[in-house]
Amino acid sequence: LSEVITHGENRSPDEMLTVIAIVV
């Protein structure tokens, strides 16, 4: 069995809106 390979990260939709509200 291979080792664990990760891709991406967990993010909630609210966090995405917060990021947009700050970055834009």
mmCIF file of all heavy atoms, coordinates in Angstrom:
data_MODEL
# 
_entry.id   MODEL 
# 
loop_
_atom_site.group_PDB 
_atom_site.id 
_atom_site.type_symbol 
_atom_site.label_atom_id 
_atom_site.label_alt_id 
_atom_site.label_comp_id 
_atom_site.label_asym_id 
_atom_site.label_entity_id 
_atom_site.label_seq_id 
_atom_site.pdbx_PDB_ins_code 
_atom_site.Cartn_x 
_atom_site.Cartn_y 
_atom_site.Cartn_z 
_atom_site.occupancy 
_atom_site.B_iso_or_equiv 
_atom_site.pdbx_formal_charge 
_atom_site.auth_seq_id 
_atom_site.auth_comp_id 
_atom_site.auth_asym_id 
_atom_site.auth_atom_id 
_atom_site.pdbx_PDB_model_num 
ATOM 1   N N   . LEU A 1 1  ? 0.854   -1.185 0.000  1.00 0.00 ? 1  LEU A N   1 
ATOM 2   C CA  . LEU A 1 1  ? 0.000   0.000  0.000  1.00 0.00 ? 1  LEU A CA  1 
ATOM 3   C C   . LEU A 1 1  ? 0.891   1.236  0.000  1.00 0.00 ? 1  LEU A C   1 
ATOM 4   O O   . LEU A 1 1  ? 1.872   1.324  0.749  1.00 0.00 ? 1  LEU A O   1 
ATOM 5   C CB  . LEU A 1 1  ? -0.909  -0.004 1.228  1.00 0.00 ? 1  LEU A CB  1 
ATOM 6   C CG  . LEU A 1 1  ? -1.998  1.074  1.279  1.00 0.00 ? 1  LEU A CG  1 
ATOM 7   C CD1 . LEU A 1 1  ? -2.996  0.879  0.148  1.00 0.00 ? 1  LEU A CD1 1 
ATOM 8   C CD2 . LEU A 1 1  ? -2.720  1.033  2.626  1.00 0.00 ? 1  LEU A CD2 1 
ATOM 9   N N   . SER A 1 2  ? 0.568   2.177  -0.850 1.00 0.00 ? 2  SER A N   1 
ATOM 10  C CA  . SER A 1 2  ? 1.398   3.372  -0.980 1.00 0.00 ? 2  SER A CA  1 
ATOM 11  C C   . SER A 1 2  ? 1.278   4.263  0.250  1.00 0.00 ? 2  SER A C   1 
ATOM 12  O O   . SER A 1 2  ? 0.369   4.099  1.079  1.00 0.00 ? 2  SER A O   1 
ATOM 13  C CB  . SER A 1 2  ? 0.973   4.169  -2.217 1.00 0.00 ? 2  SER A CB  1 
ATOM 14  O OG  . SER A 1 2  ? -0.294  4.778  -1.998 1.00 0.00 ? 2  SER A OG  1 
ATOM 15  N N   . GLU A 1 3  ? 2.174   5.217  0.346  1.00 0.00 ? 3  GLU A N   1 
ATOM 16  C CA  . GLU A 1 3  ? 2.043   6.247  1.364  1.00 0.00 ? 3  GLU A CA  1 
ATOM 17  C C   . GLU A 1 3  ? 0.903   7.196  0.993  1.00 0.00 ? 3  GLU A C   1 
ATOM 18  O O   . GLU A 1 3  ? 0.443   7.237  -0.149 1.00 0.00 ? 3  GLU A O   1 
ATOM 19  C CB  . GLU A 1 3  ? 3.353   7.030  1.499  1.00 0.00 ? 3  GLU A CB  1 
ATOM 20  C CG  . GLU A 1 3  ? 4.531   6.186  1.965  1.00 0.00 ? 3  GLU A CG  1 
ATOM 21  C CD  . GLU A 1 3  ? 5.798   7.000  2.104  1.00 0.00 ? 3  GLU A CD  1 
ATOM 22  O OE1 . GLU A 1 3  ? 5.771   8.198  1.711  1.00 0.00 ? 3  GLU A OE1 1 
ATOM 23  O OE2 . GLU A 1 3  ? 6.802   6.458  2.590  1.00 0.00 ? 3  GLU A OE2 1 
ATOM 24  N N   . VAL A 1 4  ? 0.462   7.975  1.976  1.00 0.00 ? 4  VAL A N   1 
ATOM 25  C CA  . VAL A 1 4  ? -0.650  8.895  1.740  1.00 0.00 ? 4  VAL A CA  1 
ATOM 26  C C   . VAL A 1 4  ? -0.167  10.065 0.887  1.00 0.00 ? 4  VAL A C   1 
ATOM 27  O O   . VAL A 1 4  ? 0.851   10.693 1.184  1.00 0.00 ? 4  VAL A O   1 
ATOM 28  C CB  . VAL A 1 4  ? -1.233  9.403  3.074  1.00 0.00 ? 4  VAL A CB  1 
ATOM 29  C CG1 . VAL A 1 4  ? -2.345  10.421 2.827  1.00 0.00 ? 4  VAL A CG1 1 
ATOM 30  C CG2 . VAL A 1 4  ? -1.761  8.236  3.893  1.00 0.00 ? 4  VAL A CG2 1 
ATOM 31  N N   . ILE A 1 5  ? -0.900  10.347 -0.183 1.00 0.00 ? 5  ILE A N   1 
ATOM 32  C CA  . ILE A 1 5  ? -0.610  11.479 -1.069 1.00 0.00 ? 5  ILE A CA  1 
ATOM 33  C C   . ILE A 1 5  ? -1.746  12.488 -0.911 1.00 0.00 ? 5  ILE A C   1 
ATOM 34  O O   . ILE A 1 5  ? -2.917  12.142 -1.057 1.00 0.00 ? 5  ILE A O   1 
ATOM 35  C CB  . ILE A 1 5  ? -0.505  11.027 -2.532 1.00 0.00 ? 5  ILE A CB  1 
ATOM 36  C CG1 . ILE A 1 5  ? 0.588   9.952  -2.670 1.00 0.00 ? 5  ILE A CG1 1 
ATOM 37  C CG2 . ILE A 1 5  ? -0.216  12.201 -3.444 1.00 0.00 ? 5  ILE A CG2 1 
ATOM 38  C CD1 . ILE A 1 5  ? 0.638   9.341  -4.041 1.00 0.00 ? 5  ILE A CD1 1 
ATOM 39  N N   . THR A 1 6  ? -1.424  13.739 -0.604 1.00 0.00 ? 6  THR A N   1 
ATOM 40  C CA  . THR A 1 6  ? -2.436  14.770 -0.383 1.00 0.00 ? 6  THR A CA  1 
ATOM 41  C C   . THR A 1 6  ? -2.468  15.740 -1.561 1.00 0.00 ? 6  THR A C   1 
ATOM 42  O O   . THR A 1 6  ? -1.463  15.965 -2.234 1.00 0.00 ? 6  THR A O   1 
ATOM 43  C CB  . THR A 1 6  ? -2.167  15.540 0.913  1.00 0.00 ? 6  THR A CB  1 
ATOM 44  O OG1 . THR A 1 6  ? -0.867  16.163 0.838  1.00 0.00 ? 6  THR A OG1 1 
ATOM 45  C CG2 . THR A 1 6  ? -2.215  14.614 2.112  1.00 0.00 ? 6  THR A CG2 1 
ATOM 46  N N   . HIS A 1 7  ? -3.663  16.306 -1.773 1.00 0.00 ? 7  HIS A N   1 
ATOM 47  C CA  . HIS A 1 7  ? -3.840  17.300 -2.846 1.00 0.00 ? 7  HIS A CA  1 
ATOM 48  C C   . HIS A 1 7  ? -4.917  18.291 -2.397 1.00 0.00 ? 7  HIS A C   1 
ATOM 49  O O   . HIS A 1 7  ? -6.011  17.904 -2.013 1.00 0.00 ? 7  HIS A O   1 
ATOM 50  C CB  . HIS A 1 7  ? -4.255  16.616 -4.145 1.00 0.00 ? 7  HIS A CB  1 
ATOM 51  C CG  . HIS A 1 7  ? -4.354  17.560 -5.307 1.00 0.00 ? 7  HIS A CG  1 
ATOM 52  N ND1 . HIS A 1 7  ? -3.259  17.939 -6.050 1.00 0.00 ? 7  HIS A ND1 1 
ATOM 53  C CD2 . HIS A 1 7  ? -5.419  18.220 -5.832 1.00 0.00 ? 7  HIS A CD2 1 
ATOM 54  C CE1 . HIS A 1 7  ? -3.648  18.773 -6.996 1.00 0.00 ? 7  HIS A CE1 1 
ATOM 55  N NE2 . HIS A 1 7  ? -4.948  18.968 -6.886 1.00 0.00 ? 7  HIS A NE2 1 
ATOM 56  N N   . GLY A 1 8  ? -4.605  19.584 -2.454 1.00 0.00 ? 8  GLY A N   1 
ATOM 57  C CA  . GLY A 1 8  ? -5.553  20.622 -2.057 1.00 0.00 ? 8  GLY A CA  1 
ATOM 58  C C   . GLY A 1 8  ? -5.656  20.756 -0.545 1.00 0.00 ? 8  GLY A C   1 
ATOM 59  O O   . GLY A 1 8  ? -4.869  20.175 0.215  1.00 0.00 ? 8  GLY A O   1 
ATOM 60  N N   . GLU A 1 9  ? -6.653  21.522 -0.106 1.00 0.00 ? 9  GLU A N   1 
ATOM 61  C CA  . GLU A 1 9  ? -6.873  21.723 1.325  1.00 0.00 ? 9  GLU A CA  1 
ATOM 62  C C   . GLU A 1 9  ? -8.351  21.978 1.577  1.00 0.00 ? 9  GLU A C   1 
ATOM 63  O O   . GLU A 1 9  ? -9.092  22.403 0.685  1.00 0.00 ? 9  GLU A O   1 
ATOM 64  C CB  . GLU A 1 9  ? -6.035  22.891 1.847  1.00 0.00 ? 9  GLU A CB  1 
ATOM 65  C CG  . GLU A 1 9  ? -6.299  24.205 1.172  1.00 0.00 ? 9  GLU A CG  1 
ATOM 66  C CD  . GLU A 1 9  ? -5.406  25.316 1.682  1.00 0.00 ? 9  GLU A CD  1 
ATOM 67  O OE1 . GLU A 1 9  ? -4.452  25.013 2.428  1.00 0.00 ? 9  GLU A OE1 1 
ATOM 68  O OE2 . GLU A 1 9  ? -5.676  26.481 1.359  1.00 0.00 ? 9  GLU A OE2 1 
ATOM 69  N N   . ASN A 1 10 ? -8.762  21.687 2.800  1.00 0.00 ? 10 ASN A N   1 
ATOM 70  C CA  . ASN A 1 10 ? -10.161 21.882 3.179  1.00 0.00 ? 10 ASN A CA  1 
ATOM 71  C C   . ASN A 1 10 ? -10.450 23.355 3.411  1.00 0.00 ? 10 ASN A C   1 
ATOM 72  O O   . ASN A 1 10 ? -9.768  24.022 4.186  1.00 0.00 ? 10 ASN A O   1 
ATOM 73  C CB  . ASN A 1 10 ? -10.489 21.088 4.445  1.00 0.00 ? 10 ASN A CB  1 
ATOM 74  C CG  . ASN A 1 10 ? -10.487 19.594 4.201  1.00 0.00 ? 10 ASN A CG  1 
ATOM 75  O OD1 . ASN A 1 10 ? -10.909 19.142 3.138  1.00 0.00 ? 10 ASN A OD1 1 
ATOM 76  N ND2 . ASN A 1 10 ? -10.037 18.816 5.180  1.00 0.00 ? 10 ASN A ND2 1 
ATOM 77  N N   . ARG A 1 11 ? -11.481 23.871 2.726  1.00 0.00 ? 11 ARG A N   1 
ATOM 78  C CA  . ARG A 1 11 ? -11.916 25.261 2.890  1.00 0.00 ? 11 ARG A CA  1 
ATOM 79  C C   . ARG A 1 11 ? -13.439 25.316 2.766  1.00 0.00 ? 11 ARG A C   1 
ATOM 80  O O   . ARG A 1 11 ? -14.010 24.752 1.832  1.00 0.00 ? 11 ARG A O   1 
ATOM 81  C CB  . ARG A 1 11 ? -11.292 26.160 1.822  1.00 0.00 ? 11 ARG A CB  1 
ATOM 82  C CG  . ARG A 1 11 ? -9.800  26.342 1.958  1.00 0.00 ? 11 ARG A CG  1 
ATOM 83  C CD  . ARG A 1 11 ? -9.269  27.300 0.926  1.00 0.00 ? 11 ARG A CD  1 
ATOM 84  N NE  . ARG A 1 11 ? -9.453  26.783 -0.424 1.00 0.00 ? 11 ARG A NE  1 
ATOM 85  C CZ  . ARG A 1 11 ? -9.010  27.400 -1.514 1.00 0.00 ? 11 ARG A CZ  1 
ATOM 86  N NH1 . ARG A 1 11 ? -8.370  28.549 -1.413 1.00 0.00 ? 11 ARG A NH1 1 
ATOM 87  N NH2 . ARG A 1 11 ? -9.202  26.873 -2.705 1.00 0.00 ? 11 ARG A NH2 1 
ATOM 88  N N   . SER A 1 12 ? -14.074 26.032 3.701  1.00 0.00 ? 12 SER A N   1 
ATOM 89  C CA  . SER A 1 12 ? -15.523 26.184 3.637  1.00 0.00 ? 12 SER A CA  1 
ATOM 90  C C   . SER A 1 12 ? -15.876 27.323 2.693  1.00 0.00 ? 12 SER A C   1 
ATOM 91  O O   . SER A 1 12 ? -15.066 28.232 2.466  1.00 0.00 ? 12 SER A O   1 
ATOM 92  C CB  . SER A 1 12 ? -16.094 26.476 5.030  1.00 0.00 ? 12 SER A CB  1 
ATOM 93  O OG  . SER A 1 12 ? -15.625 27.731 5.499  1.00 0.00 ? 12 SER A OG  1 
ATOM 94  N N   . PRO A 1 13 ? -17.100 27.352 2.114  1.00 0.00 ? 13 PRO A N   1 
ATOM 95  C CA  . PRO A 1 13 ? -17.507 28.464 1.236  1.00 0.00 ? 13 PRO A CA  1 
ATOM 96  C C   . PRO A 1 13 ? -17.447 29.812 1.924  1.00 0.00 ? 13 PRO A C   1 
ATOM 97  O O   . PRO A 1 13 ? -17.136 30.826 1.306  1.00 0.00 ? 13 PRO A O   1 
ATOM 98  C CB  . PRO A 1 13 ? -18.944 28.077 0.849  1.00 0.00 ? 13 PRO A CB  1 
ATOM 99  C CG  . PRO A 1 13 ? -18.996 26.591 1.008  1.00 0.00 ? 13 PRO A CG  1 
ATOM 100 C CD  . PRO A 1 13 ? -18.092 26.282 2.159  1.00 0.00 ? 13 PRO A CD  1 
ATOM 101 N N   . ASP A 1 14 ? -17.771 29.905 3.234  1.00 0.00 ? 14 ASP A N   1 
ATOM 102 C CA  . ASP A 1 14 ? -17.688 31.175 3.966  1.00 0.00 ? 14 ASP A CA  1 
ATOM 103 C C   . ASP A 1 14 ? -16.261 31.697 3.996  1.00 0.00 ? 14 ASP A C   1 
ATOM 104 O O   . ASP A 1 14 ? -16.016 32.907 3.877  1.00 0.00 ? 14 ASP A O   1 
ATOM 105 C CB  . ASP A 1 14 ? -18.207 30.985 5.400  1.00 0.00 ? 14 ASP A CB  1 
ATOM 106 C CG  . ASP A 1 14 ? -19.702 30.654 5.410  1.00 0.00 ? 14 ASP A CG  1 
ATOM 107 O OD1 . ASP A 1 14 ? -20.363 30.976 4.410  1.00 0.00 ? 14 ASP A OD1 1 
ATOM 108 O OD2 . ASP A 1 14 ? -20.168 30.076 6.400  1.00 0.00 ? 14 ASP A OD2 1 
ATOM 109 N N   . GLU A 1 15 ? -15.323 30.783 4.152  1.00 0.00 ? 15 GLU A N   1 
ATOM 110 C CA  . GLU A 1 15 ? -13.925 31.203 4.159  1.00 0.00 ? 15 GLU A CA  1 
ATOM 111 C C   . GLU A 1 15 ? -13.533 31.771 2.794  1.00 0.00 ? 15 GLU A C   1 
ATOM 112 O O   . GLU A 1 15 ? -12.783 32.744 2.705  1.00 0.00 ? 15 GLU A O   1 
ATOM 113 C CB  . GLU A 1 15 ? -13.029 30.018 4.518  1.00 0.00 ? 15 GLU A CB  1 
ATOM 114 C CG  . GLU A 1 15 ? -13.165 29.563 5.972  1.00 0.00 ? 15 GLU A CG  1 
ATOM 115 C CD  . GLU A 1 15 ? -12.280 28.370 6.252  1.00 0.00 ? 15 GLU A CD  1 
ATOM 116 O OE1 . GLU A 1 15 ? -11.678 27.865 5.289  1.00 0.00 ? 15 GLU A OE1 1 
ATOM 117 O OE2 . GLU A 1 15 ? -12.190 27.949 7.414  1.00 0.00 ? 15 GLU A OE2 1 
ATOM 118 N N   . MET A 1 16 ? -14.059 31.194 1.747  1.00 0.00 ? 16 MET A N   1 
ATOM 119 C CA  . MET A 1 16 ? -13.751 31.699 0.418  1.00 0.00 ? 16 MET A CA  1 
ATOM 120 C C   . MET A 1 16 ? -14.301 33.118 0.228  1.00 0.00 ? 16 MET A C   1 
ATOM 121 O O   . MET A 1 16 ? -13.632 33.991 -0.323 1.00 0.00 ? 16 MET A O   1 
ATOM 122 C CB  . MET A 1 16 ? -14.361 30.756 -0.635 1.00 0.00 ? 16 MET A CB  1 
ATOM 123 C CG  . MET A 1 16 ? -14.080 31.174 -2.063 1.00 0.00 ? 16 MET A CG  1 
ATOM 124 S SD  . MET A 1 16 ? -12.311 31.151 -2.458 1.00 0.00 ? 16 MET A SD  1 
ATOM 125 C CE  . MET A 1 16 ? -12.008 29.396 -2.412 1.00 0.00 ? 16 MET A CE  1 
ATOM 126 N N   . LEU A 1 17 ? -15.548 33.364 0.703  1.00 0.00 ? 17 LEU A N   1 
ATOM 127 C CA  . LEU A 1 17 ? -16.115 34.708 0.599  1.00 0.00 ? 17 LEU A CA  1 
ATOM 128 C C   . LEU A 1 17 ? -15.308 35.706 1.422  1.00 0.00 ? 17 LEU A C   1 
ATOM 129 O O   . LEU A 1 17 ? -15.115 36.853 1.026  1.00 0.00 ? 17 LEU A O   1 
ATOM 130 C CB  . LEU A 1 17 ? -17.576 34.683 1.070  1.00 0.00 ? 17 LEU A CB  1 
ATOM 131 C CG  . LEU A 1 17 ? -18.545 33.882 0.182  1.00 0.00 ? 17 LEU A CG  1 
ATOM 132 C CD1 . LEU A 1 17 ? -19.932 33.865 0.810  1.00 0.00 ? 17 LEU A CD1 1 
ATOM 133 C CD2 . LEU A 1 17 ? -18.609 34.468 -1.221 1.00 0.00 ? 17 LEU A CD2 1 
ATOM 134 N N   . THR A 1 18 ? -14.859 35.261 2.584  1.00 0.00 ? 18 THR A N   1 
ATOM 135 C CA  . THR A 1 18 ? -14.049 36.144 3.429  1.00 0.00 ? 18 THR A CA  1 
ATOM 136 C C   . THR A 1 18 ? -12.750 36.510 2.732  1.00 0.00 ? 18 THR A C   1 
ATOM 137 O O   . THR A 1 18 ? -12.306 37.672 2.751  1.00 0.00 ? 18 THR A O   1 
ATOM 138 C CB  . THR A 1 18 ? -13.752 35.458 4.774  1.00 0.00 ? 18 THR A CB  1 
ATOM 139 O OG1 . THR A 1 18 ? -14.994 35.122 5.402  1.00 0.00 ? 18 THR A OG1 1 
ATOM 140 C CG2 . THR A 1 18 ? -12.955 36.371 5.686  1.00 0.00 ? 18 THR A CG2 1 
ATOM 141 N N   . VAL A 1 19 ? -12.144 35.510 2.108  1.00 0.00 ? 19 VAL A N   1 
ATOM 142 C CA  . VAL A 1 19 ? -10.898 35.775 1.389  1.00 0.00 ? 19 VAL A CA  1 
ATOM 143 C C   . VAL A 1 19 ? -11.140 36.763 0.256  1.00 0.00 ? 19 VAL A C   1 
ATOM 144 O O   . VAL A 1 19 ? -10.359 37.707 0.030  1.00 0.00 ? 19 VAL A O   1 
ATOM 145 C CB  . VAL A 1 19 ? -10.309 34.452 0.855  1.00 0.00 ? 19 VAL A CB  1 
ATOM 146 C CG1 . VAL A 1 19 ? -9.154  34.731 -0.091 1.00 0.00 ? 19 VAL A CG1 1 
ATOM 147 C CG2 . VAL A 1 19 ? -9.856  33.573 2.002  1.00 0.00 ? 19 VAL A CG2 1 
ATOM 148 N N   . ILE A 1 20 ? -12.264 36.570 -0.463 1.00 0.00 ? 20 ILE A N   1 
ATOM 149 C CA  . ILE A 1 20 ? -12.571 37.479 -1.568 1.00 0.00 ? 20 ILE A CA  1 
ATOM 150 C C   . ILE A 1 20 ? -12.818 38.892 -1.050 1.00 0.00 ? 20 ILE A C   1 
ATOM 151 O O   . ILE A 1 20 ? -12.349 39.885 -1.623 1.00 0.00 ? 20 ILE A O   1 
ATOM 152 C CB  . ILE A 1 20 ? -13.792 36.956 -2.346 1.00 0.00 ? 20 ILE A CB  1 
ATOM 153 C CG1 . ILE A 1 20 ? -13.430 35.646 -3.051 1.00 0.00 ? 20 ILE A CG1 1 
ATOM 154 C CG2 . ILE A 1 20 ? -14.272 37.993 -3.359 1.00 0.00 ? 20 ILE A CG2 1 
ATOM 155 C CD1 . ILE A 1 20 ? -14.593 34.983 -3.725 1.00 0.00 ? 20 ILE A CD1 1 
ATOM 156 N N   . ALA A 1 21 ? -13.575 38.998 0.074  1.00 0.00 ? 21 ALA A N   1 
ATOM 157 C CA  . ALA A 1 21 ? -13.887 40.315 0.634  1.00 0.00 ? 21 ALA A CA  1 
ATOM 158 C C   . ALA A 1 21 ? -12.642 41.047 1.107  1.00 0.00 ? 21 ALA A C   1 
ATOM 159 O O   . ALA A 1 21 ? -12.609 42.278 1.150  1.00 0.00 ? 21 ALA A O   1 
ATOM 160 C CB  . ALA A 1 21 ? -14.880 40.163 1.793  1.00 0.00 ? 21 ALA A CB  1 
ATOM 161 N N   . ILE A 1 22 ? -11.612 40.318 1.477  1.00 0.00 ? 22 ILE A N   1 
ATOM 162 C CA  . ILE A 1 22 ? -10.376 40.961 1.955  1.00 0.00 ? 22 ILE A CA  1 
ATOM 163 C C   . ILE A 1 22 ? -9.436  41.253 0.790  1.00 0.00 ? 22 ILE A C   1 
ATOM 164 O O   . ILE A 1 22 ? -8.855  42.337 0.690  1.00 0.00 ? 22 ILE A O   1 
ATOM 165 C CB  . ILE A 1 22 ? -9.689  40.058 3.001  1.00 0.00 ? 22 ILE A CB  1 
ATOM 166 C CG1 . ILE A 1 22 ? -10.565 39.971 4.266  1.00 0.00 ? 22 ILE A CG1 1 
ATOM 167 C CG2 . ILE A 1 22 ? -8.311  40.602 3.351  1.00 0.00 ? 22 ILE A CG2 1 
ATOM 168 C CD1 . ILE A 1 22 ? -10.030 38.989 5.287  1.00 0.00 ? 22 ILE A CD1 1 
ATOM 169 N N   . VAL A 1 23 ? -9.307  40.299 -0.093 1.00 0.00 ? 23 VAL A N   1 
ATOM 170 C CA  . VAL A 1 23 ? -8.301  40.417 -1.156 1.00 0.00 ? 23 VAL A CA  1 
ATOM 171 C C   . VAL A 1 23 ? -8.723  41.425 -2.213 1.00 0.00 ? 23 VAL A C   1 
ATOM 172 O O   . VAL A 1 23 ? -7.908  42.242 -2.672 1.00 0.00 ? 23 VAL A O   1 
ATOM 173 C CB  . VAL A 1 23 ? -8.036  39.034 -1.789 1.00 0.00 ? 23 VAL A CB  1 
ATOM 174 C CG1 . VAL A 1 23 ? -7.140  39.171 -3.013 1.00 0.00 ? 23 VAL A CG1 1 
ATOM 175 C CG2 . VAL A 1 23 ? -7.399  38.110 -0.767 1.00 0.00 ? 23 VAL A CG2 1 
ATOM 176 N N   . VAL A 1 24 ? -9.997  41.410 -2.609 1.00 0.00 ? 24 VAL A N   1 
ATOM 177 C CA  . VAL A 1 24 ? -10.441 42.291 -3.692 1.00 0.00 ? 24 VAL A CA  1 
ATOM 178 C C   . VAL A 1 24 ? -10.244 43.770 -3.348 1.00 0.00 ? 24 VAL A C   1 
ATOM 179 O O   . VAL A 1 24 ? -9.704  44.540 -4.157 1.00 0.00 ? 24 VAL A O   1 
ATOM 180 C CB  . VAL A 1 24 ? -11.893 41.977 -4.070 1.00 0.00 ? 24 VAL A CB  1 
ATOM 181 C CG1 . VAL A 1 24 ? -12.447 43.033 -5.023 1.00 0.00 ? 24 VAL A CG1 1 
ATOM 182 C CG2 . VAL A 1 24 ? -11.986 40.594 -4.701 1.00 0.00 ? 24 VAL A CG2 1 
# 
